[in-house]
Amino acid sequence: MTAYALAHLRKAPMHAEVLEYLERIQATLLPFDGRFIVHGGPIEVLEGDWSGDLVVVEFPDLIRARSWYQSSAYQEIKPLRTRHLAGELVLVEGVEADHDSSKMAAAIRRAGGH
């Protein structure tokens, strides 16, 4: 099942190390079939507060997403980002194309969730 790496990165002045990180990250994704589907860009906040940028990388599955993050190639460049940009990074599994939230709610009700 498709998986995603999501990063919420706070705004900060651009630093040479961050530019190097940007130059090198693509090569770390390729062996794991990762691809950017969101990489910064304007954010329209509809609810709550949001500061910073959103980055979303798609992988064929959670195993490859985790393997990318743990790879020596990514671990080598990660400090170039983390020394200068605060934020969070999470991995999350997607849902099937036919996912239906009403069926999910019904299953939770049947299981006694409410």
Protein backbone atom coordinates (compact mmCIF):
# COMPACT_ATOMS: atom_id res chain seq x y z
CA MET A 1 0.00 0.00 0.00
CA THR A 2 1.26 3.48 -0.84
CA ALA A 3 2.99 5.31 1.99
CA TYR A 4 4.00 8.90 2.51
CA ALA A 5 6.72 10.84 4.28
CA LEU A 6 5.24 14.14 5.46
CA ALA A 7 7.40 16.97 6.75
CA HIS A 8 6.16 20.17 8.35
CA LEU A 9 9.14 22.51 8.20
CA ARG A 10 9.22 25.93 9.88
CA LYS A 11 10.25 28.97 7.88
CA ALA A 12 13.87 29.98 8.36
CA PRO A 13 16.43 31.97 6.41
CA MET A 14 17.92 29.94 3.57
CA HIS A 15 21.30 28.44 4.45
CA ALA A 16 23.95 26.96 2.14
CA GLU A 17 23.60 23.57 3.88
CA VAL A 18 19.85 23.51 3.17
CA LEU A 19 20.58 24.20 -0.50
CA GLU A 20 23.04 21.30 -0.50
CA TYR A 21 20.37 19.10 1.11
CA LEU A 22 17.94 20.07 -1.66
CA GLU A 23 20.56 19.29 -4.29
CA ARG A 24 21.22 15.84 -2.84
CA ILE A 25 17.86 14.52 -1.57
CA GLN A 26 16.51 13.41 -4.96
CA ALA A 27 19.31 10.86 -5.33
CA THR A 28 18.40 9.36 -1.92
CA LEU A 29 14.78 8.85 -2.99
CA LEU A 30 15.39 7.13 -6.33
CA PRO A 31 16.53 3.70 -5.02
CA PHE A 32 13.30 3.49 -2.97
CA ASP A 33 10.97 4.71 -5.75
CA GLY A 34 10.18 7.84 -3.76
CA ARG A 35 8.86 10.95 -5.46
CA PHE A 36 7.87 14.39 -4.32
CA ILE A 37 4.14 15.09 -4.64
CA VAL A 38 4.22 18.29 -2.53
CA HIS A 39 7.40 20.31 -2.07
CA GLY A 40 6.72 23.63 -0.41
CA GLY A 41 4.42 25.91 -2.35
CA PRO A 42 1.60 28.14 -1.20
CA ILE A 43 -0.55 26.84 1.65
CA GLU A 44 -4.14 27.95 2.14
CA VAL A 45 -4.98 27.59 5.83
CA LEU A 46 -8.68 26.85 6.26
CA GLU A 47 -8.68 25.79 9.92
CA GLY A 48 -6.22 26.24 12.75
CA ASP A 49 -2.76 27.72 12.61
CA TRP A 50 -0.01 26.74 10.23
CA SER A 51 3.44 28.14 9.85
CA GLY A 52 6.07 26.79 7.53
CA ASP A 53 6.14 24.50 4.54
CA LEU A 54 4.70 21.09 3.78
CA VAL A 55 6.65 18.40 1.97
CA VAL A 56 5.06 15.11 0.93
CA VAL A 57 7.04 12.26 -0.60
CA GLU A 58 5.22 9.22 -1.97
CA PHE A 59 6.62 5.69 -1.77
CA PRO A 60 5.17 2.41 -3.07
CA ASP A 61 4.90 1.08 0.50
CA LEU A 62 5.83 1.72 4.12
CA ILE A 63 8.82 -0.63 3.95
CA ARG A 64 10.47 1.46 1.24
CA ALA A 65 9.57 4.72 2.99
CA ARG A 66 11.19 3.50 6.21
CA SER A 67 14.17 2.07 4.31
CA TRP A 68 14.73 5.44 2.60
CA TYR A 69 14.68 7.30 5.93
CA GLN A 70 17.05 4.80 7.54
CA SER A 71 19.38 4.61 4.53
CA SER A 72 22.97 5.74 4.95
CA ALA A 73 22.53 8.09 1.97
CA TYR A 74 19.66 9.95 3.66
CA GLN A 75 21.18 9.86 7.14
CA GLU A 76 24.31 11.46 5.69
CA ILE A 77 22.42 14.52 4.41
CA LYS A 78 19.74 14.80 7.12
CA PRO A 79 21.88 17.06 9.39
CA LEU A 80 22.15 19.57 6.54
CA ARG A 81 18.40 20.14 7.04
CA THR A 82 17.95 19.55 10.76
CA ARG A 83 20.68 22.00 11.78
CA HIS A 84 18.74 24.83 10.15
CA LEU A 85 15.06 23.89 9.82
CA ALA A 86 12.88 22.92 12.76
CA GLY A 87 9.96 20.66 12.06
CA GLU A 88 8.38 17.25 12.19
CA LEU A 89 8.67 14.31 9.80
CA VAL A 90 6.29 11.35 9.90
CA LEU A 91 5.67 8.25 7.82
CA VAL A 92 2.08 7.23 7.19
CA GLU A 93 0.43 4.51 5.17
CA GLY A 94 -2.21 5.54 2.65
CA VAL A 95 -5.60 3.92 2.08
CA GLU A 96 -6.94 1.74 -0.71
CA ALA A 97 -8.47 3.52 -3.71
CA ASP A 98 -11.94 2.35 -2.64
CA HIS A 99 -11.61 3.57 0.98
CA ASP A 100 -14.97 4.71 2.34
CA SER A 101 -15.08 6.60 5.64
CA SER A 102 -18.74 5.67 6.24
CA LYS A 103 -17.81 1.97 6.12
CA MET A 104 -14.93 2.71 8.50
CA ALA A 105 -17.34 4.43 10.90
CA ALA A 106 -19.76 1.46 10.70
CA ALA A 107 -16.95 -0.97 11.54
CA ILE A 108 -15.95 1.16 14.54
CA ARG A 109 -19.58 1.23 15.73
CA ARG A 110 -19.89 -2.57 15.36
CA ALA A 111 -16.71 -2.99 17.40
CA GLY A 112 -18.24 -0.90 20.21
CA GLY A 113 -16.21 2.24 19.50
CA HIS A 114 -19.42 4.34 20.00
